[in-house]
């Protein structure tokens, strides 16, 4: 079983119920695999080691056809292996997605960090991407995904005071 990092196997990184149901091959090429390993090294591993347990994720690599079928963004960084959706709410450890989001924002380099839906106090999950600096500089964009008039919009994120 090939490893993306010491905390993520390739098998888990490409697993998709939709891909299985639709018979879609969801396997990254060499370039995407390299990006996945870099993202794991720069984001997932430091977060895992900070919080003291492997951070669960719901989506990592998506082939172009899988991304199309699930309605992913046309320019989704999941397709290039540069994005992962982290979800601390999948486990009971006394920390949540807000804690993870804020820690990443303050401590790690990233391209995009997105507070995915949820509410003013906690996102449903945390989308984070990382681009190899040899390809281009990471933008350090902090956004919030919202639904408006039936469409997803991305707006600049600001944490509202409680």
N, C-alpha and C. Protein backbone atom coordinates (compact mmCIF):
# COMPACT_ATOMS: atom_id res chain seq x y z
N UNK A 1 0.84 -1.18 0.00
CA UNK A 1 0.00 0.00 0.00
C UNK A 1 0.89 1.25 0.00
N UNK A 2 0.79 2.03 -1.05
CA UNK A 2 1.62 3.22 -1.18
C UNK A 2 1.18 4.29 -0.19
N UNK A 3 2.15 5.01 0.33
CA UNK A 3 1.86 6.06 1.30
C UNK A 3 2.00 7.43 0.67
N UNK A 4 1.06 8.31 1.01
CA UNK A 4 1.15 9.73 0.66
C UNK A 4 2.01 10.40 1.73
N UNK A 5 1.79 9.98 2.97
CA UNK A 5 2.56 10.47 4.11
C UNK A 5 2.50 9.38 5.18
N UNK A 6 3.11 9.65 6.34
CA UNK A 6 3.05 8.63 7.39
C UNK A 6 1.65 8.50 7.99
N UNK A 7 0.74 9.44 7.62
CA UNK A 7 -0.63 9.38 8.15
C UNK A 7 -1.70 9.11 7.09
N UNK A 8 -1.32 9.12 5.82
CA UNK A 8 -2.30 8.96 4.74
C UNK A 8 -1.82 7.93 3.72
N UNK A 9 -2.65 6.94 3.46
CA UNK A 9 -2.34 5.98 2.40
C UNK A 9 -2.95 6.47 1.09
N UNK A 10 -2.38 6.03 -0.02
CA UNK A 10 -2.94 6.37 -1.33
C UNK A 10 -4.36 5.84 -1.44
N UNK A 11 -4.58 4.64 -0.94
CA UNK A 11 -5.91 4.03 -0.99
C UNK A 11 -6.97 4.94 -0.36
N UNK A 12 -6.67 5.49 0.80
CA UNK A 12 -7.62 6.37 1.48
C UNK A 12 -7.74 7.72 0.75
N UNK A 13 -6.64 8.20 0.21
CA UNK A 13 -6.63 9.51 -0.46
C UNK A 13 -7.46 9.53 -1.74
N UNK A 14 -7.66 8.38 -2.36
CA UNK A 14 -8.42 8.33 -3.62
C UNK A 14 -9.80 7.70 -3.45
N UNK A 15 -10.11 7.24 -2.24
CA UNK A 15 -11.38 6.55 -2.01
C UNK A 15 -12.56 7.49 -2.23
N UNK A 16 -13.52 7.00 -3.00
CA UNK A 16 -14.73 7.76 -3.29
C UNK A 16 -15.86 6.79 -3.55
N UNK A 17 -16.91 6.90 -2.75
CA UNK A 17 -18.08 6.06 -2.96
C UNK A 17 -18.68 6.30 -4.34
N UNK A 18 -18.73 7.55 -4.75
CA UNK A 18 -19.28 7.89 -6.07
C UNK A 18 -18.45 7.25 -7.17
N UNK A 19 -17.12 7.32 -7.06
CA UNK A 19 -16.26 6.71 -8.08
C UNK A 19 -16.51 5.21 -8.16
N UNK A 20 -16.65 4.57 -7.02
CA UNK A 20 -16.90 3.12 -7.00
C UNK A 20 -18.25 2.82 -7.65
N UNK A 21 -19.28 3.55 -7.25
CA UNK A 21 -20.63 3.33 -7.79
C UNK A 21 -20.70 3.56 -9.29
N UNK A 22 -19.96 4.56 -9.79
CA UNK A 22 -20.01 4.92 -11.21
C UNK A 22 -18.93 4.25 -12.05
N UNK A 23 -18.08 3.45 -11.41
CA UNK A 23 -17.02 2.77 -12.14
C UNK A 23 -15.94 3.71 -12.68
N UNK A 24 -15.68 4.78 -11.95
CA UNK A 24 -14.69 5.77 -12.37
C UNK A 24 -13.33 5.44 -11.75
N UNK A 25 -12.31 5.45 -12.59
CA UNK A 25 -10.95 5.25 -12.10
C UNK A 25 -10.50 6.57 -11.47
N UNK A 26 -10.26 6.53 -10.19
CA UNK A 26 -9.87 7.74 -9.47
C UNK A 26 -8.42 7.61 -9.01
N UNK A 27 -7.50 7.59 -9.97
CA UNK A 27 -6.09 7.41 -9.67
C UNK A 27 -5.29 8.60 -10.18
N UNK A 28 -4.45 9.18 -9.34
CA UNK A 28 -3.64 10.32 -9.77
C UNK A 28 -2.47 9.89 -10.65
N UNK A 29 -2.04 10.81 -11.50
CA UNK A 29 -0.81 10.62 -12.25
C UNK A 29 0.37 11.02 -11.40
N UNK A 30 1.56 10.95 -11.96
CA UNK A 30 2.79 11.26 -11.21
C UNK A 30 2.80 12.69 -10.68
N UNK A 31 2.36 13.64 -11.50
CA UNK A 31 2.37 15.05 -11.08
C UNK A 31 1.39 15.27 -9.92
N UNK A 32 0.19 14.70 -10.03
CA UNK A 32 -0.82 14.84 -8.97
C UNK A 32 -0.35 14.16 -7.69
N UNK A 33 0.27 13.00 -7.82
CA UNK A 33 0.78 12.28 -6.66
C UNK A 33 1.85 13.10 -5.94
N UNK A 34 2.71 13.74 -6.69
CA UNK A 34 3.74 14.60 -6.10
C UNK A 34 3.08 15.76 -5.33
N UNK A 35 2.06 16.36 -5.93
CA UNK A 35 1.34 17.46 -5.26
C UNK A 35 0.66 16.98 -3.98
N UNK A 36 0.08 15.78 -4.03
CA UNK A 36 -0.57 15.23 -2.85
C UNK A 36 0.43 15.02 -1.71
N UNK A 37 1.59 14.51 -2.05
CA UNK A 37 2.62 14.28 -1.03
C UNK A 37 3.11 15.61 -0.44
N UNK A 38 3.25 16.63 -1.28
CA UNK A 38 3.68 17.94 -0.80
C UNK A 38 2.62 18.54 0.12
N UNK A 39 1.36 18.47 -0.28
CA UNK A 39 0.27 18.98 0.56
C UNK A 39 0.24 18.26 1.91
N UNK A 40 0.37 16.95 1.88
CA UNK A 40 0.37 16.18 3.13
C UNK A 40 1.54 16.62 4.02
N UNK A 41 2.70 16.81 3.43
CA UNK A 41 3.89 17.21 4.19
C UNK A 41 3.75 18.62 4.78
N UNK A 42 3.18 19.53 4.02
CA UNK A 42 3.13 20.94 4.44
C UNK A 42 1.90 21.30 5.27
N UNK A 43 0.81 20.49 5.16
CA UNK A 43 -0.43 20.85 5.88
C UNK A 43 -0.91 19.72 6.79
N UNK A 44 -1.20 18.57 6.22
CA UNK A 44 -1.82 17.50 7.02
C UNK A 44 -0.91 17.00 8.14
N UNK A 45 0.34 16.72 7.82
CA UNK A 45 1.26 16.19 8.84
C UNK A 45 1.49 17.20 9.97
N UNK A 46 1.79 18.47 9.69
CA UNK A 46 1.95 19.41 10.82
C UNK A 46 0.69 19.56 11.67
N UNK A 47 -0.50 19.57 11.04
CA UNK A 47 -1.75 19.67 11.80
C UNK A 47 -1.95 18.43 12.66
N UNK A 48 -1.70 17.26 12.08
CA UNK A 48 -1.82 16.00 12.81
C UNK A 48 -0.89 16.00 14.02
N UNK A 49 0.33 16.42 13.82
CA UNK A 49 1.30 16.41 14.92
C UNK A 49 0.98 17.47 15.97
N UNK A 50 0.43 18.59 15.54
CA UNK A 50 0.03 19.62 16.51
C UNK A 50 -1.13 19.13 17.39
N UNK A 51 -2.17 18.57 16.76
CA UNK A 51 -3.35 18.16 17.51
C UNK A 51 -3.19 16.80 18.18
N UNK A 52 -2.20 16.03 17.76
CA UNK A 52 -1.89 14.77 18.44
C UNK A 52 -2.66 13.55 17.96
N UNK A 53 -3.31 13.65 16.81
CA UNK A 53 -4.01 12.51 16.22
C UNK A 53 -4.20 12.79 14.73
N UNK A 54 -4.31 11.75 13.92
CA UNK A 54 -4.49 11.96 12.47
C UNK A 54 -5.77 12.74 12.18
N UNK A 55 -5.64 13.83 11.45
CA UNK A 55 -6.79 14.66 11.11
C UNK A 55 -7.59 13.95 10.01
N UNK A 56 -8.87 13.64 10.27
CA UNK A 56 -9.69 12.98 9.25
C UNK A 56 -9.94 13.89 8.05
N UNK A 57 -10.13 13.28 6.89
CA UNK A 57 -10.47 14.06 5.70
C UNK A 57 -11.57 13.34 4.94
N UNK A 58 -12.36 14.14 4.24
CA UNK A 58 -13.49 13.58 3.49
C UNK A 58 -13.23 13.56 2.00
N UNK A 59 -12.29 14.37 1.52
CA UNK A 59 -11.99 14.40 0.09
C UNK A 59 -10.55 14.85 -0.10
N UNK A 60 -9.84 14.12 -0.96
CA UNK A 60 -8.47 14.52 -1.29
C UNK A 60 -8.38 14.56 -2.81
N UNK A 61 -7.84 13.55 -3.44
CA UNK A 61 -7.73 13.58 -4.90
C UNK A 61 -9.05 13.24 -5.57
N UNK A 62 -9.36 13.97 -6.66
CA UNK A 62 -10.51 13.67 -7.51
C UNK A 62 -10.06 13.71 -8.97
N UNK A 63 -10.33 12.64 -9.69
CA UNK A 63 -10.05 12.65 -11.13
C UNK A 63 -10.97 13.67 -11.79
N UNK A 64 -10.60 14.16 -12.98
CA UNK A 64 -11.47 15.13 -13.66
C UNK A 64 -12.90 14.61 -13.85
N UNK A 65 -13.06 13.33 -14.22
CA UNK A 65 -14.41 12.82 -14.43
C UNK A 65 -15.18 12.72 -13.11
N UNK A 66 -14.54 12.32 -12.03
CA UNK A 66 -15.21 12.27 -10.73
C UNK A 66 -15.60 13.68 -10.30
N UNK A 67 -14.71 14.63 -10.45
CA UNK A 67 -14.98 16.01 -10.07
C UNK A 67 -16.20 16.55 -10.83
N UNK A 68 -16.27 16.22 -12.12
CA UNK A 68 -17.39 16.66 -12.96
C UNK A 68 -18.71 16.06 -12.46
N UNK A 69 -18.70 14.77 -12.18
CA UNK A 69 -19.92 14.07 -11.74
C UNK A 69 -20.44 14.59 -10.41
N UNK A 70 -19.54 14.90 -9.48
CA UNK A 70 -20.01 15.37 -8.16
C UNK A 70 -20.31 16.87 -8.15
N UNK A 71 -20.07 17.54 -9.27
CA UNK A 71 -20.36 18.97 -9.35
C UNK A 71 -19.31 19.84 -8.73
N UNK A 72 -18.05 19.34 -8.70
CA UNK A 72 -16.95 20.14 -8.16
C UNK A 72 -16.65 21.33 -9.05
N UNK A 73 -15.99 22.32 -8.50
CA UNK A 73 -15.62 23.51 -9.27
C UNK A 73 -14.76 23.10 -10.46
N UNK A 74 -14.95 23.78 -11.59
CA UNK A 74 -14.21 23.45 -12.81
C UNK A 74 -12.69 23.54 -12.60
N UNK A 75 -12.27 24.47 -11.76
CA UNK A 75 -10.85 24.66 -11.50
C UNK A 75 -10.43 24.10 -10.14
N UNK A 76 -11.14 23.09 -9.65
CA UNK A 76 -10.88 22.51 -8.33
C UNK A 76 -9.44 22.02 -8.19
N UNK A 77 -8.81 22.41 -7.12
CA UNK A 77 -7.45 21.97 -6.85
C UNK A 77 -7.41 20.51 -6.39
N UNK A 78 -8.55 19.91 -6.09
CA UNK A 78 -8.59 18.48 -5.79
C UNK A 78 -8.12 17.68 -7.01
N UNK A 79 -8.43 18.17 -8.21
CA UNK A 79 -8.07 17.47 -9.45
C UNK A 79 -6.55 17.43 -9.65
N UNK A 80 -5.86 18.45 -9.18
CA UNK A 80 -4.40 18.48 -9.32
C UNK A 80 -3.70 17.89 -8.10
N UNK A 81 -4.46 17.42 -7.12
CA UNK A 81 -3.86 16.86 -5.91
C UNK A 81 -3.38 17.91 -4.94
N UNK A 82 -3.82 19.15 -5.13
CA UNK A 82 -3.35 20.26 -4.31
C UNK A 82 -4.33 20.67 -3.20
N UNK A 83 -5.45 19.94 -3.04
CA UNK A 83 -6.45 20.33 -2.03
C UNK A 83 -6.95 19.11 -1.25
N UNK A 84 -7.30 19.37 -0.01
CA UNK A 84 -7.86 18.34 0.87
C UNK A 84 -8.95 18.98 1.72
N UNK A 85 -10.01 18.22 1.98
CA UNK A 85 -11.08 18.68 2.85
C UNK A 85 -10.94 17.96 4.19
N UNK A 86 -10.63 18.73 5.22
CA UNK A 86 -10.41 18.19 6.55
C UNK A 86 -11.67 18.33 7.38
N UNK A 87 -11.93 17.34 8.24
CA UNK A 87 -13.15 17.37 9.02
C UNK A 87 -12.92 16.81 10.42
N UNK A 88 -12.60 17.70 11.34
CA UNK A 88 -12.36 17.32 12.74
C UNK A 88 -13.63 16.84 13.41
N UNK A 89 -14.79 17.24 12.88
CA UNK A 89 -16.05 16.86 13.51
C UNK A 89 -16.35 15.39 13.31
N UNK A 90 -15.51 14.70 12.55
CA UNK A 90 -15.70 13.27 12.33
C UNK A 90 -15.27 12.46 13.55
N UNK A 91 -14.60 13.10 14.48
CA UNK A 91 -14.11 12.40 15.68
C UNK A 91 -14.40 13.21 16.94
N UNK A 92 -14.33 12.56 18.06
CA UNK A 92 -14.56 13.23 19.34
C UNK A 92 -13.22 13.40 20.05
N UNK A 93 -12.61 14.56 19.91
CA UNK A 93 -11.32 14.80 20.55
C UNK A 93 -11.28 16.13 21.28
N UNK A 94 -12.41 16.81 21.41
CA UNK A 94 -12.42 18.08 22.13
C UNK A 94 -11.97 19.27 21.30
N UNK A 95 -11.73 19.07 20.02
CA UNK A 95 -11.42 20.17 19.10
C UNK A 95 -12.37 20.04 17.92
N UNK A 96 -12.58 21.15 17.23
CA UNK A 96 -13.51 21.10 16.11
C UNK A 96 -12.92 21.78 14.87
N UNK A 97 -13.75 21.89 13.85
CA UNK A 97 -13.29 22.47 12.59
C UNK A 97 -12.85 23.92 12.73
N UNK A 98 -13.49 24.67 13.61
CA UNK A 98 -13.07 26.05 13.84
C UNK A 98 -11.65 26.08 14.40
N UNK A 99 -11.37 25.23 15.39
CA UNK A 99 -10.02 25.17 15.97
C UNK A 99 -8.98 24.86 14.89
N UNK A 100 -9.30 23.88 14.05
CA UNK A 100 -8.39 23.49 12.97
C UNK A 100 -8.19 24.63 11.99
N UNK A 101 -9.27 25.26 11.55
CA UNK A 101 -9.21 26.37 10.60
C UNK A 101 -8.30 27.49 11.13
N UNK A 102 -8.56 27.91 12.37
CA UNK A 102 -7.79 29.02 12.95
C UNK A 102 -6.32 28.64 13.14
N UNK A 103 -6.05 27.38 13.51
CA UNK A 103 -4.66 26.97 13.69
C UNK A 103 -3.92 26.99 12.35
N UNK A 104 -4.55 26.47 11.32
CA UNK A 104 -3.91 26.49 9.99
C UNK A 104 -3.67 27.92 9.55
N UNK A 105 -4.67 28.77 9.72
CA UNK A 105 -4.55 30.18 9.31
C UNK A 105 -3.36 30.86 9.99
N UNK A 106 -3.15 30.58 11.26
CA UNK A 106 -2.09 31.24 12.02
C UNK A 106 -0.71 30.59 11.89
N UNK A 107 -0.66 29.32 11.52
CA UNK A 107 0.60 28.59 11.64
C UNK A 107 1.18 27.98 10.36
N UNK A 108 0.38 27.85 9.32
CA UNK A 108 0.88 27.14 8.14
C UNK A 108 0.83 28.00 6.88
N UNK A 109 1.66 27.64 5.95
CA UNK A 109 1.61 28.21 4.60
C UNK A 109 0.53 27.47 3.85
N UNK A 110 -0.26 28.17 3.04
CA UNK A 110 -1.31 27.53 2.25
C UNK A 110 -1.64 28.41 1.06
N UNK A 111 -2.32 27.83 0.09
CA UNK A 111 -2.78 28.59 -1.05
C UNK A 111 -4.16 29.15 -0.75
N UNK A 112 -5.12 28.25 -0.47
CA UNK A 112 -6.45 28.67 -0.06
C UNK A 112 -6.86 27.93 1.20
N UNK A 113 -7.52 28.65 2.08
CA UNK A 113 -8.11 28.08 3.29
C UNK A 113 -9.56 28.53 3.27
N UNK A 114 -10.48 27.55 3.20
CA UNK A 114 -11.88 27.90 3.03
C UNK A 114 -12.73 27.35 4.18
N UNK A 115 -13.45 28.24 4.83
CA UNK A 115 -14.45 27.92 5.85
C UNK A 115 -15.66 27.45 5.05
N UNK A 116 -15.85 26.14 4.96
CA UNK A 116 -16.88 25.59 4.08
C UNK A 116 -18.23 25.54 4.79
N UNK A 117 -19.12 26.42 4.36
CA UNK A 117 -20.51 26.47 4.81
C UNK A 117 -20.57 26.54 6.34
N UNK A 118 -21.40 25.74 6.98
CA UNK A 118 -21.54 25.81 8.43
C UNK A 118 -22.26 27.08 8.84
N UNK A 119 -21.76 27.69 9.92
CA UNK A 119 -22.38 28.91 10.44
C UNK A 119 -21.29 29.85 10.93
N UNK A 120 -21.67 30.88 11.65
CA UNK A 120 -20.70 31.88 12.10
C UNK A 120 -19.73 31.35 13.15
N UNK A 121 -20.07 30.22 13.79
CA UNK A 121 -19.20 29.71 14.84
C UNK A 121 -18.37 28.49 14.43
N UNK A 122 -18.76 27.82 13.33
CA UNK A 122 -18.01 26.62 12.94
C UNK A 122 -18.31 26.23 11.50
N UNK A 123 -17.26 25.93 10.71
CA UNK A 123 -17.51 25.45 9.35
C UNK A 123 -17.91 23.97 9.38
N UNK A 124 -18.60 23.54 8.31
CA UNK A 124 -18.94 22.12 8.19
C UNK A 124 -17.68 21.29 7.97
N UNK A 125 -16.73 21.84 7.22
CA UNK A 125 -15.42 21.22 7.03
C UNK A 125 -14.45 22.31 6.61
N UNK A 126 -13.17 21.99 6.55
CA UNK A 126 -12.12 22.95 6.21
C UNK A 126 -11.44 22.48 4.92
N UNK A 127 -11.53 23.31 3.91
CA UNK A 127 -10.84 23.05 2.64
C UNK A 127 -9.51 23.80 2.70
N UNK A 128 -8.43 23.10 2.42
CA UNK A 128 -7.12 23.76 2.39
C UNK A 128 -6.34 23.23 1.19
N UNK A 129 -5.67 24.17 0.53
CA UNK A 129 -4.83 23.78 -0.61
C UNK A 129 -3.42 24.33 -0.41
N UNK A 130 -2.51 23.67 -1.11
CA UNK A 130 -1.10 24.06 -1.05
C UNK A 130 -0.50 23.82 -2.42
N UNK A 131 0.23 24.80 -2.92
CA UNK A 131 0.88 24.68 -4.22
C UNK A 131 2.39 24.69 -4.00
N UNK A 132 3.08 23.79 -4.67
CA UNK A 132 4.54 23.76 -4.60
C UNK A 132 5.06 25.12 -5.04
N UNK A 133 5.84 25.81 -4.20
CA UNK A 133 6.35 27.14 -4.55
C UNK A 133 7.18 27.17 -5.84
N UNK A 134 7.68 26.01 -6.29
CA UNK A 134 8.40 25.98 -7.57
C UNK A 134 7.43 26.15 -8.74
N UNK A 135 6.13 25.88 -8.51
CA UNK A 135 5.12 26.06 -9.55
C UNK A 135 4.61 27.50 -9.54
N UNK A 136 4.20 27.97 -8.38
CA UNK A 136 3.79 29.37 -8.19
C UNK A 136 3.67 29.63 -6.69
N UNK A 137 3.62 30.89 -6.33
CA UNK A 137 3.52 31.26 -4.92
C UNK A 137 2.14 30.92 -4.38
N UNK A 138 2.08 30.47 -3.14
CA UNK A 138 0.81 30.25 -2.46
C UNK A 138 0.17 31.61 -2.19
N UNK A 139 -1.12 31.72 -2.46
CA UNK A 139 -1.83 33.00 -2.38
C UNK A 139 -2.24 33.40 -0.97
N UNK A 140 -2.29 32.43 -0.05
CA UNK A 140 -2.71 32.70 1.34
C UNK A 140 -4.11 33.34 1.38
N UNK A 141 -5.01 32.84 0.51
CA UNK A 141 -6.39 33.32 0.49
C UNK A 141 -7.18 32.65 1.61
N UNK A 142 -7.93 33.44 2.35
CA UNK A 142 -8.80 32.93 3.41
C UNK A 142 -10.22 33.31 3.00
N UNK A 143 -11.03 32.29 2.70
CA UNK A 143 -12.36 32.49 2.14
C UNK A 143 -13.43 31.76 2.94
N UNK A 144 -14.67 32.11 2.65
CA UNK A 144 -15.81 31.40 3.22
C UNK A 144 -16.72 31.01 2.06
N UNK A 145 -17.14 29.75 2.05
CA UNK A 145 -18.09 29.27 1.06
C UNK A 145 -19.50 29.44 1.62
N UNK A 146 -20.35 30.10 0.84
CA UNK A 146 -21.75 30.29 1.24
C UNK A 146 -22.66 29.90 0.07
N UNK A 147 -23.89 29.59 0.39
CA UNK A 147 -24.89 29.33 -0.65
C UNK A 147 -25.77 30.57 -0.75
N UNK A 148 -25.90 31.06 -1.97
CA UNK A 148 -26.74 32.25 -2.19
C UNK A 148 -27.48 32.06 -3.51
N UNK A 149 -28.79 32.14 -3.46
CA UNK A 149 -29.63 31.96 -4.64
C UNK A 149 -29.33 30.65 -5.36
N UNK A 150 -29.11 29.59 -4.58
CA UNK A 150 -28.89 28.26 -5.15
C UNK A 150 -27.50 28.02 -5.71
N UNK A 151 -26.60 28.97 -5.54
CA UNK A 151 -25.23 28.81 -6.05
C UNK A 151 -24.23 28.97 -4.92
N UNK A 152 -23.06 28.37 -5.09
CA UNK A 152 -21.98 28.53 -4.11
C UNK A 152 -21.18 29.78 -4.46
N UNK A 153 -20.95 30.60 -3.47
CA UNK A 153 -20.11 31.78 -3.64
C UNK A 153 -18.99 31.74 -2.62
N UNK A 154 -17.85 32.32 -3.00
CA UNK A 154 -16.70 32.39 -2.11
C UNK A 154 -16.46 33.86 -1.80
N UNK A 155 -16.49 34.18 -0.52
CA UNK A 155 -16.30 35.56 -0.08
C UNK A 155 -15.11 35.61 0.87
N UNK A 156 -14.49 36.78 1.02
CA UNK A 156 -13.40 36.89 2.00
C UNK A 156 -13.91 36.52 3.39
N UNK A 157 -13.12 35.77 4.12
CA UNK A 157 -13.53 35.31 5.45
C UNK A 157 -13.07 36.27 6.52
N UNK A 158 -13.97 36.58 7.42
CA UNK A 158 -13.62 37.30 8.64
C UNK A 158 -14.40 36.64 9.77
N UNK A 159 -13.71 36.35 10.84
CA UNK A 159 -14.34 35.71 12.00
C UNK A 159 -15.18 36.75 12.72
N UNK A 160 -16.45 36.43 12.89
CA UNK A 160 -17.37 37.33 13.58
C UNK A 160 -17.16 37.18 15.08
N UNK A 161 -17.20 38.31 15.79
CA UNK A 161 -17.08 38.26 17.25
C UNK A 161 -18.31 37.60 17.83
N UNK A 162 -18.09 36.79 18.88
CA UNK A 162 -19.20 36.04 19.50
C UNK A 162 -20.11 36.96 20.29
